């Protein structure tokens, strides 16, 4: 895992969600949310597995 990739995709996800909130056009809002979800998926694939706490 590239540490920079994780942080880049996480930041892009947050940026896209912020753009979606500001978008006045519904189509633009949906596009930004779609991109945010795509970035979120990349973040999930790059994130290290979480150990179960017992």
C-alpha atoms as a PDB file:
ATOM      1  CA  UNK A   1       0.000   0.000   0.000  1.00  0.00           C
ATOM      2  CA  UNK A   2       1.235   3.398  -0.894  1.00  0.00           C
ATOM      3  CA  UNK A   3       0.647   5.724   2.029  1.00  0.00           C
ATOM      4  CA  UNK A   4       0.353   8.701  -0.301  1.00  0.00           C
ATOM      5  CA  UNK A   5      -2.316   6.944  -2.395  1.00  0.00           C
ATOM      6  CA  UNK A   6      -4.475   6.358   0.678  1.00  0.00           C
ATOM      7  CA  UNK A   7      -4.251   9.989   1.762  1.00  0.00           C
ATOM      8  CA  UNK A   8      -4.767  11.277  -1.779  1.00  0.00           C
ATOM      9  CA  UNK A   9      -7.929   9.237  -2.329  1.00  0.00           C
ATOM     10  CA  UNK A  10      -9.261  10.089   1.137  1.00  0.00           C
ATOM     11  CA  UNK A  11      -8.755  13.800   0.460  1.00  0.00           C
ATOM     12  CA  UNK A  12     -10.369  13.535  -2.975  1.00  0.00           C
ATOM     13  CA  UNK A  13     -13.375  11.775  -1.426  1.00  0.00           C
ATOM     14  CA  UNK A  14     -13.790  14.593   1.084  1.00  0.00           C
ATOM     15  CA  UNK A  15     -13.357  17.216  -1.643  1.00  0.00           C
ATOM     16  CA  UNK A  16     -16.007  15.620  -3.855  1.00  0.00           C
ATOM     17  CA  UNK A  17     -18.469  15.454  -0.955  1.00  0.00           C
ATOM     18  CA  UNK A  18     -17.861  19.145  -0.260  1.00  0.00           C
ATOM     19  CA  UNK A  19     -18.400  19.987  -3.948  1.00  0.00           C
ATOM     20  CA  UNK A  20     -21.636  17.988  -3.875  1.00  0.00           C
ATOM     21  CA  UNK A  21     -22.897  19.994  -0.905  1.00  0.00           C
ATOM     22  CA  UNK A  22     -22.204  23.251  -2.733  1.00  0.00           C
ATOM     23  CA  UNK A  23     -23.595  22.164  -6.093  1.00  0.00           C
ATOM     24  CA  UNK A  24     -26.889  23.809  -6.957  1.00  0.00           C
ATOM     25  CA  UNK A  25     -27.534  21.581  -9.952  1.00  0.00           C
ATOM     26  CA  UNK A  26     -28.874  18.114  -9.094  1.00  0.00           C
ATOM     27  CA  UNK A  27     -26.948  16.451 -11.926  1.00  0.00           C
ATOM     28  CA  UNK A  28     -23.685  18.007 -10.744  1.00  0.00           C
ATOM     29  CA  UNK A  29     -24.440  16.999  -7.156  1.00  0.00           C
ATOM     30  CA  UNK A  30     -25.015  13.400  -8.206  1.00  0.00           C
ATOM     31  CA  UNK A  31     -21.810  13.382 -10.249  1.00  0.00           C
ATOM     32  CA  UNK A  32     -19.785  14.617  -7.286  1.00  0.00           C
ATOM     33  CA  UNK A  33     -21.366  12.052  -4.970  1.00  0.00           C
ATOM     34  CA  UNK A  34     -20.650   9.309  -7.498  1.00  0.00           C
ATOM     35  CA  UNK A  35     -17.005  10.351  -7.649  1.00  0.00           C
ATOM     36  CA  UNK A  36     -16.868  10.509  -3.846  1.00  0.00           C
ATOM     37  CA  UNK A  37     -18.131   6.916  -3.677  1.00  0.00           C
ATOM     38  CA  UNK A  38     -15.526   5.803  -6.190  1.00  0.00           C
ATOM     39  CA  UNK A  39     -12.784   7.419  -4.138  1.00  0.00           C
ATOM     40  CA  UNK A  40     -14.230   5.883  -0.965  1.00  0.00           C
ATOM     41  CA  UNK A  41     -14.019   2.448  -2.564  1.00  0.00           C
ATOM     42  CA  UNK A  42     -10.359   3.044  -3.369  1.00  0.00           C
ATOM     43  CA  UNK A  43      -9.778   4.113   0.232  1.00  0.00           C
ATOM     44  CA  UNK A  44     -11.404   0.906   1.485  1.00  0.00           C
ATOM     45  CA  UNK A  45      -9.202  -1.239  -0.742  1.00  0.00           C
ATOM     46  CA  UNK A  46      -6.052   0.566   0.423  1.00  0.00           C
ATOM     47  CA  UNK A  47      -6.883   0.685   4.129  1.00  0.00           C
ATOM     48  CA  UNK A  48      -5.112  -1.867   6.318  1.00  0.00           C
ATOM     49  CA  UNK A  49      -7.370  -4.512   7.839  1.00  0.00           C
ATOM     50  CA  UNK A  50      -8.695  -3.677  11.285  1.00  0.00           C
ATOM     51  CA  UNK A  51      -7.854  -6.221  13.971  1.00  0.00           C
ATOM     52  CA  UNK A  52     -10.777  -7.464  16.049  1.00  0.00           C
ATOM     53  CA  UNK A  53     -10.552  -6.240  19.602  1.00  0.00           C
ATOM     54  CA  UNK A  54     -11.545  -8.799  22.186  1.00  0.00           C
END
